[in-house]
Amino acid sequence: MKEWALFGLFLFVGIGMLVSGIVYMRKEKDDTESVKIYRVVSIIGVVSTIGAVAYRALI
């Protein structure tokens, strides 16, 4: 049961970071420093989501 909870948590956080990074990156598209920060947040979200799916596929 704890594997499903961990999977759900990482999936939820990863998708949340991905979506929020994309939304704010589009909102602040004129500020290059903000775009860099939100791009990193989006990349971390993608990595977390892929990691959660890979974790669930392997276990």
Protein backbone atom coordinates (compact mmCIF):
# COMPACT_ATOMS: atom_id res chain seq x y z
CA MET A 1 0.00 0.00 0.00
CA LYS A 2 2.85 2.39 0.73
CA GLU A 3 4.13 1.99 -2.85
CA TRP A 4 0.83 3.33 -4.19
CA ALA A 5 0.91 6.26 -1.77
CA LEU A 6 4.47 7.12 -2.76
CA PHE A 7 3.60 6.80 -6.44
CA GLY A 8 0.54 9.03 -6.04
CA LEU A 9 2.45 11.65 -4.08
CA PHE A 10 5.30 11.91 -6.57
CA LEU A 11 2.92 11.88 -9.52
CA PHE A 12 0.75 14.61 -7.98
CA VAL A 13 3.70 16.82 -7.06
CA GLY A 14 5.45 16.27 -10.41
CA ILE A 15 2.39 17.14 -12.49
CA GLY A 16 1.67 20.12 -10.24
CA MET A 17 5.19 21.48 -10.67
CA LEU A 18 5.06 20.89 -14.42
CA VAL A 19 1.75 22.69 -14.88
CA SER A 20 2.59 25.59 -12.58
CA GLY A 21 5.99 26.05 -14.23
CA ILE A 22 4.43 26.19 -17.68
CA VAL A 23 1.63 28.55 -16.62
CA TYR A 24 3.94 31.03 -14.91
CA MET A 25 6.56 30.74 -17.64
CA ARG A 26 3.96 31.84 -20.18
CA LYS A 27 2.71 34.57 -17.83
CA GLU A 28 6.20 36.04 -17.30
CA LYS A 29 7.51 35.50 -20.83
CA ASP A 30 9.07 38.97 -21.02
CA ASP A 31 11.31 38.49 -17.96
CA THR A 32 14.18 36.22 -18.98
CA GLU A 33 15.31 35.47 -15.42
CA SER A 34 11.83 34.31 -14.42
CA VAL A 35 11.58 32.15 -17.53
CA LYS A 36 14.81 30.39 -16.56
CA ILE A 37 13.52 29.71 -13.05
CA TYR A 38 10.14 28.41 -14.24
CA ARG A 39 11.84 26.27 -16.88
CA VAL A 40 13.88 24.58 -14.14
CA VAL A 41 10.71 24.05 -12.09
CA SER A 42 9.04 22.46 -15.13
CA ILE A 43 12.02 20.19 -15.75
CA ILE A 44 12.01 19.05 -12.12
CA GLY A 45 8.30 18.32 -12.49
CA VAL A 46 8.90 16.22 -15.59
CA VAL A 47 11.71 14.28 -13.91
CA SER A 48 9.56 13.66 -10.84
CA THR A 49 6.64 12.45 -12.95
CA ILE A 50 8.80 10.15 -15.05
CA GLY A 51 10.48 8.85 -11.90
CA ALA A 52 7.11 8.06 -10.33
CA VAL A 53 5.91 6.20 -13.41
CA ALA A 54 9.19 4.29 -13.68
CA TYR A 55 9.04 3.44 -9.98
CA ARG A 56 5.52 2.10 -10.34
CA ALA A 57 6.44 0.11 -13.47
CA LEU A 58 9.43 -1.53 -11.77
CA ILE A 59 7.85 -2.31 -8.40
